Amino acid sequence: MTIRTTFRSGSGDCAAWITLPAGEGPHPVVLLIHGGGATHSMMLDQYERWFSEAGLAVLAFDFRHLGESGGTPRQLMSLRRYFEDIDAALAFIRTRPELDPSRIALWGTSFGASHVVATAARRRDIAAAVVQCPILQGRAPALSAGLLHLARFTGPIVSDLLRGALGLGRRYVSIVGRPGELAFVIQPGAFEGWMSVVPKGVVFDGRITAGAGLSMLFYDAAAKARQVQCPLLVCISDRENLMDPAIAVRVAREAPRGVAIHYPTDHFEVYHPPFVERIVADQIAFLVRHLDPGR
């Protein structure tokens, strides 16, 4: 059973979804953190179902300014707000009697993996963490397309920052596009892969405020791996096409309790058969071992 609710973060609200397993609580809980610009409607329901069937409660949410959450301007990607929302979600878990605050795991996919690693590095109340197809350096997707591509964003970024400072309408660019287009991610196949996680009938707003790109370029969650004290499972896509998979390998090696599992996938195949069931089975085994839902 999934319950739609909200929790307060800063001066706004985050739309949230609680999925409970069978049986009496309080249950261990997995907090799902989606990728850059992605929303709950983009295939998180399958993870809610699989994890809850394994005896784990699940909390998913949309970051402010995205999806069903409040906040203006729309499609604002802000690291400060992201961490505020994650901390607010963790605080919200502690208000729910059916959830066990001593058994919380973080789960992050794509760019959400950066937020998982960074959050686990600064908090000591996380029991376990899982990341898949991880993007662990904000500059990795843009730089993989070359410096010339990156230079094209100078004008839009400056324009957006000025417009924001003056209270004018924001300057937007696309998150993902086809090769040659003005979008942060333009690797061959990325647009099609991105659209493959947008269910039929769901409208995906693929814009972000251009100024967000500046802070993302300097965001390096991989550098925090040594500070992650909880068990960390890194599900590595060996054919990763948005970041050098060696970065994920290094994070798993440097985290004191890190574990790496490799899969013959690219960035987007992890969400679909035949790989998704295998990857989730490994994640469930890891989470059950560290969260002990049967106790």
Protein backbone atom coordinates (compact mmCIF):
# COMPACT_ATOMS: atom_id res chain seq x y z
CA MET A 1 0.00 0.00 0.00
CA THR A 2 1.33 3.41 -0.99
CA ILE A 3 0.16 6.57 0.76
CA ARG A 4 0.66 9.97 -0.82
CA THR A 5 1.52 12.66 1.69
CA THR A 6 3.74 15.72 2.07
CA PHE A 7 6.43 16.94 4.41
CA ARG A 8 7.71 20.42 5.11
CA SER A 9 11.12 21.48 3.85
CA GLY A 10 12.31 25.06 4.27
CA SER A 11 9.44 27.33 3.33
CA GLY A 12 7.78 24.78 1.04
CA ASP A 13 6.43 21.26 0.81
CA CYS A 14 7.74 18.08 -0.78
CA ALA A 15 5.28 15.60 -2.25
CA ALA A 16 6.03 12.22 -0.71
CA TRP A 17 4.95 8.59 -1.00
CA ILE A 18 5.12 6.02 1.83
CA THR A 19 4.92 2.35 0.90
CA LEU A 20 4.53 -0.10 3.78
CA PRO A 21 5.23 -3.84 3.83
CA ALA A 22 2.89 -6.39 5.34
CA GLY A 23 2.96 -6.91 9.08
CA GLU A 24 3.29 -4.74 12.13
CA GLY A 25 5.81 -1.94 12.34
CA PRO A 26 7.90 -0.12 13.02
CA HIS A 27 9.57 -1.14 9.78
CA PRO A 28 13.05 -0.42 8.49
CA VAL A 29 12.80 2.17 5.74
CA VAL A 30 14.57 2.92 2.47
CA LEU A 31 14.64 6.56 1.38
CA LEU A 32 14.66 6.76 -2.43
CA ILE A 33 16.60 9.63 -4.02
CA HIS A 34 16.08 10.04 -7.76
CA GLY A 35 18.45 11.37 -10.41
CA GLY A 36 18.91 14.91 -11.71
CA GLY A 37 15.59 16.48 -12.69
CA ALA A 38 13.76 13.14 -12.36
CA THR A 39 10.51 12.72 -10.44
CA HIS A 40 8.64 10.02 -8.56
CA SER A 41 6.55 9.19 -11.63
CA MET A 42 9.67 8.03 -13.46
CA MET A 43 9.73 4.35 -12.48
CA LEU A 44 10.21 4.65 -8.73
CA ASP A 45 7.01 2.65 -8.22
CA GLN A 46 8.78 -0.58 -9.20
CA TYR A 47 11.37 -0.10 -6.46
CA GLU A 48 8.65 0.73 -3.94
CA ARG A 49 6.94 -2.54 -4.81
CA TRP A 50 10.03 -4.75 -4.76
CA PHE A 51 11.48 -3.33 -1.54
CA SER A 52 8.16 -3.46 0.32
CA GLU A 53 7.64 -7.08 -0.77
CA ALA A 54 10.98 -7.81 0.92
CA GLY A 55 9.71 -6.37 4.21
CA LEU A 56 11.14 -2.86 3.84
CA ALA A 57 9.12 0.35 4.06
CA VAL A 58 9.90 2.93 1.40
CA LEU A 59 9.74 6.73 1.40
CA ALA A 60 10.02 8.46 -1.97
CA PHE A 61 9.64 12.16 -2.70
CA ASP A 62 9.99 14.85 -5.32
CA PHE A 63 12.55 17.55 -4.64
CA ARG A 64 11.12 21.04 -4.30
CA HIS A 65 10.64 22.83 -7.62
CA LEU A 66 10.17 19.47 -9.39
CA GLY A 67 7.28 17.14 -10.13
CA GLU A 68 4.40 17.30 -7.66
CA SER A 69 6.33 19.32 -5.07
CA GLY A 70 5.93 23.05 -4.57
CA GLY A 71 8.44 25.78 -5.23
CA THR A 72 9.12 28.49 -7.79
CA PRO A 73 10.80 28.93 -10.12
CA ARG A 74 10.01 25.52 -11.53
CA GLN A 75 12.82 23.15 -12.52
CA LEU A 76 15.33 24.76 -10.17
CA MET A 77 18.16 22.38 -9.30
CA SER A 78 19.85 23.58 -6.10
CA LEU A 79 22.32 21.52 -4.09
CA ARG A 80 21.48 23.46 -0.95
CA ARG A 81 17.78 22.75 -1.37
CA TYR A 82 18.47 19.12 -2.27
CA PHE A 83 20.24 18.55 1.03
CA GLU A 84 17.57 20.47 2.93
CA ASP A 85 14.93 18.20 1.36
CA ILE A 86 16.85 15.02 2.17
CA ASP A 87 17.33 16.13 5.78
CA ALA A 88 13.64 17.05 5.97
CA ALA A 89 12.72 13.59 4.64
CA LEU A 90 14.89 11.96 7.30
CA ALA A 91 13.27 14.12 9.98
CA PHE A 92 9.82 13.21 8.59
CA ILE A 93 10.63 9.50 8.98
CA ARG A 94 11.14 10.12 12.69
CA THR A 95 7.58 11.44 13.00
CA ARG A 96 6.01 8.28 11.62
CA PRO A 97 5.35 5.54 14.20
CA GLU A 98 5.25 2.84 11.51
CA LEU A 99 8.85 3.61 10.51
CA ASP A 100 11.96 2.72 12.52
CA PRO A 101 14.37 5.69 12.69
CA SER A 102 17.21 3.41 13.82
CA ARG A 103 17.05 1.43 10.56
CA ILE A 104 17.16 3.92 7.69
CA ALA A 105 18.86 3.21 4.37
CA LEU A 106 19.50 5.62 1.52
CA TRP A 107 19.05 4.50 -2.08
CA GLY A 108 20.13 6.69 -4.97
CA THR A 109 20.13 6.29 -8.72
CA SER A 110 22.11 8.25 -11.33
CA PHE A 111 22.82 11.77 -9.99
CA GLY A 112 20.88 10.87 -6.84
CA ALA A 113 23.83 8.61 -5.99
CA SER A 114 25.91 11.75 -5.36
CA HIS A 115 23.38 12.95 -2.80
CA VAL A 116 23.37 9.54 -1.11
CA VAL A 117 27.16 9.45 -0.77
CA ALA A 118 27.37 13.07 0.36
CA THR A 119 24.56 12.59 2.91
CA ALA A 120 25.97 9.33 4.27
CA ALA A 121 29.35 11.05 4.61
CA ARG A 122 27.99 13.82 6.86
CA ARG A 123 25.49 11.86 8.96
CA ARG A 124 25.96 8.98 11.39
CA ASP A 125 22.31 7.92 11.60
CA ILE A 126 22.25 6.05 8.28
CA ALA A 127 22.28 2.26 8.61
CA ALA A 128 23.12 1.44 4.97
CA ALA A 129 23.33 3.03 1.53
CA VAL A 130 22.88 1.75 -2.03
CA VAL A 131 23.69 3.51 -5.31
CA GLN A 132 23.15 2.34 -8.87
CA CYS A 133 24.40 3.65 -12.23
CA PRO A 134 26.01 6.34 -10.06
CA ILE A 135 26.97 9.79 -11.29
CA LEU A 136 29.37 10.84 -8.54
CA GLN A 137 30.87 13.97 -10.06
CA GLY A 138 28.56 16.69 -11.30
CA ARG A 139 30.90 17.68 -14.12
CA ALA A 140 31.24 14.16 -15.52
CA PRO A 141 28.28 14.09 -17.98
CA ALA A 142 29.01 17.54 -19.41
CA LEU A 143 32.78 17.06 -19.63
CA SER A 144 32.40 13.72 -21.38
CA ALA A 145 31.01 15.65 -24.34
CA GLY A 146 34.11 17.89 -24.46
CA LEU A 147 35.17 21.34 -23.33
CA LEU A 148 33.69 23.02 -26.40
CA HIS A 149 30.29 21.65 -25.47
CA LEU A 150 30.74 22.88 -21.91
CA ALA A 151 31.73 26.37 -23.13
CA ARG A 152 28.36 26.71 -24.88
CA PHE A 153 26.71 27.04 -21.49
CA THR A 154 28.62 30.16 -20.45
CA GLY A 155 26.05 32.53 -21.95
CA PRO A 156 22.93 30.73 -20.64
CA ILE A 157 24.44 30.34 -17.15
CA VAL A 158 25.42 34.02 -16.88
CA SER A 159 22.04 35.08 -18.28
CA ASP A 160 20.13 32.91 -15.82
CA LEU A 161 22.12 34.07 -12.81
CA LEU A 162 21.58 37.72 -13.76
CA ARG A 163 17.87 37.20 -14.39
CA GLY A 164 17.51 35.42 -11.05
CA ALA A 165 19.29 38.23 -9.22
CA LEU A 166 17.00 40.79 -10.89
CA GLY A 167 13.83 38.81 -10.19
CA LEU A 168 13.16 38.17 -13.87
CA GLY A 169 12.01 34.99 -15.55
CA ARG A 170 14.70 32.32 -15.52
CA ARG A 171 16.76 31.11 -18.48
CA TYR A 172 16.26 27.41 -19.10
CA VAL A 173 18.23 24.74 -20.92
CA SER A 174 17.48 21.09 -21.50
CA ILE A 175 18.82 18.42 -19.17
CA VAL A 176 19.24 15.88 -21.93
CA GLY A 177 19.29 16.10 -25.71
CA ARG A 178 20.66 14.51 -28.81
CA PRO A 179 24.27 15.01 -29.95
CA GLY A 180 24.86 18.61 -31.03
CA GLU A 181 21.90 20.05 -29.14
CA LEU A 182 22.20 22.58 -26.31
CA ALA A 183 21.62 20.26 -23.36
CA PHE A 184 23.78 19.25 -20.43
CA VAL A 185 23.77 15.58 -21.41
CA ILE A 186 24.14 14.83 -25.14
CA GLN A 187 25.90 11.47 -25.32
CA PRO A 188 24.65 9.21 -28.11
CA GLY A 189 21.63 7.29 -26.90
CA ALA A 190 21.20 9.41 -23.75
CA PHE A 191 18.00 11.09 -24.91
CA GLU A 192 16.39 7.80 -25.86
CA GLY A 193 17.59 6.20 -22.62
CA TRP A 194 16.23 9.07 -20.56
CA MET A 195 12.86 8.87 -22.26
CA SER A 196 12.76 5.11 -21.60
CA VAL A 197 12.20 5.81 -17.90
CA VAL A 198 9.28 8.18 -18.59
CA PRO A 199 6.11 6.04 -18.53
CA LYS A 200 3.45 6.46 -21.16
CA GLY A 201 1.11 9.28 -20.26
CA VAL A 202 3.64 11.03 -18.00
CA VAL A 203 4.72 14.51 -19.09
CA PHE A 204 8.42 15.06 -18.37
CA ASP A 205 9.59 18.65 -18.03
CA GLY A 206 13.13 18.32 -19.35
CA ARG A 207 14.26 21.87 -18.55
CA ILE A 208 16.44 23.13 -15.73
CA THR A 209 17.46 26.64 -14.81
CA ALA A 210 20.78 27.19 -16.57
CA GLY A 211 22.53 28.62 -13.52
CA ALA A 212 22.21 25.26 -11.76
CA GLY A 213 24.95 23.96 -14.00
CA LEU A 214 27.56 26.12 -12.30
CA SER A 215 27.24 24.55 -8.86
CA MET A 216 26.90 21.08 -10.34
CA LEU A 217 30.25 21.41 -12.11
CA PHE A 218 32.03 21.72 -8.75
CA TYR A 219 30.03 19.01 -6.99
CA ASP A 220 32.28 16.02 -6.28
CA ALA A 221 30.58 13.48 -4.02
CA ALA A 222 33.22 10.90 -4.93
CA ALA A 223 35.74 12.85 -2.84
CA LYS A 224 33.66 12.11 0.27
CA ALA A 225 33.81 8.31 0.00
CA ARG A 226 36.26 7.89 2.89
CA GLN A 227 33.83 9.66 5.22
CA VAL A 228 30.99 7.19 4.59
CA GLN A 229 30.87 5.03 7.71
CA CYS A 230 27.79 2.94 6.96
CA PRO A 231 27.81 -0.12 4.66
CA LEU A 232 27.72 1.13 1.05
CA LEU A 233 26.74 -0.95 -1.98
CA VAL A 234 27.88 0.49 -5.32
CA CYS A 235 26.13 -1.10 -8.31
CA ILE A 236 28.49 -0.33 -11.17
CA SER A 237 27.46 -0.21 -14.83
CA ASP A 238 30.58 -1.42 -16.63
CA ARG A 239 29.40 0.18 -19.89
CA GLU A 240 28.47 3.43 -18.15
CA ASN A 241 28.16 6.14 -20.79
CA LEU A 242 27.71 9.25 -18.62
CA MET A 243 30.72 8.88 -16.31
CA ASP A 244 33.93 6.91 -16.21
CA PRO A 245 32.96 3.79 -14.20
CA ALA A 246 36.41 3.84 -12.63
CA ILE A 247 35.14 6.66 -10.41
CA ALA A 248 32.45 4.37 -8.99
CA VAL A 249 35.02 1.62 -8.49
CA ARG A 250 37.19 4.06 -6.53
CA VAL A 251 34.28 5.14 -4.32
CA ALA A 252 33.48 1.53 -3.42
CA ARG A 253 37.15 0.88 -2.65
CA GLU A 254 37.68 4.02 -0.55
CA ALA A 255 34.48 3.79 1.50
CA PRO A 256 35.46 1.94 4.70
CA ARG A 257 32.58 -0.53 4.32
CA GLY A 258 32.11 -0.25 0.58
CA VAL A 259 31.11 -3.16 -1.67
CA ALA A 260 31.05 -3.13 -5.49
CA ILE A 261 28.96 -5.32 -7.77
CA HIS A 262 29.51 -5.02 -11.51
CA TYR A 263 26.87 -5.36 -14.24
CA PRO A 264 27.28 -5.45 -18.04
CA THR A 265 24.97 -2.46 -18.49
CA ASP A 266 25.00 1.14 -19.63
CA HIS A 267 23.47 4.00 -17.65
CA PHE A 268 19.86 3.30 -18.60
CA GLU A 269 19.64 -0.47 -18.96
CA VAL A 270 19.63 -0.82 -15.17
CA TYR A 271 15.94 0.23 -15.07
CA HIS A 272 14.71 -2.43 -17.47
CA PRO A 273 14.64 -6.21 -17.95
CA PRO A 274 16.65 -8.34 -18.11
CA PHE A 275 19.00 -6.50 -15.72
CA VAL A 276 16.71 -4.67 -13.31
CA GLU A 277 15.50 -7.80 -11.50
CA ARG A 278 19.05 -9.05 -10.98
CA ILE A 279 20.28 -5.68 -9.71
CA VAL A 280 17.34 -5.23 -7.33
CA ALA A 281 17.77 -8.77 -5.98
CA ASP A 282 21.36 -7.90 -5.06
CA GLN A 283 20.21 -4.64 -3.47
CA ILE A 284 17.51 -6.38 -1.45
CA ALA A 285 19.96 -8.98 -0.18
CA PHE A 286 22.29 -6.18 0.93
CA LEU A 287 19.51 -4.14 2.57
CA VAL A 288 17.94 -7.10 4.34
CA ARG A 289 21.34 -8.08 5.74
CA HIS A 290 21.93 -4.62 7.21
CA LEU A 291 18.38 -3.54 8.10
CA ASP A 292 17.09 -6.92 9.40
CA PRO A 293 13.37 -6.47 8.60
CA GLY A 294 12.49 -9.74 10.37
CA ARG A 295 13.54 -8.63 13.84
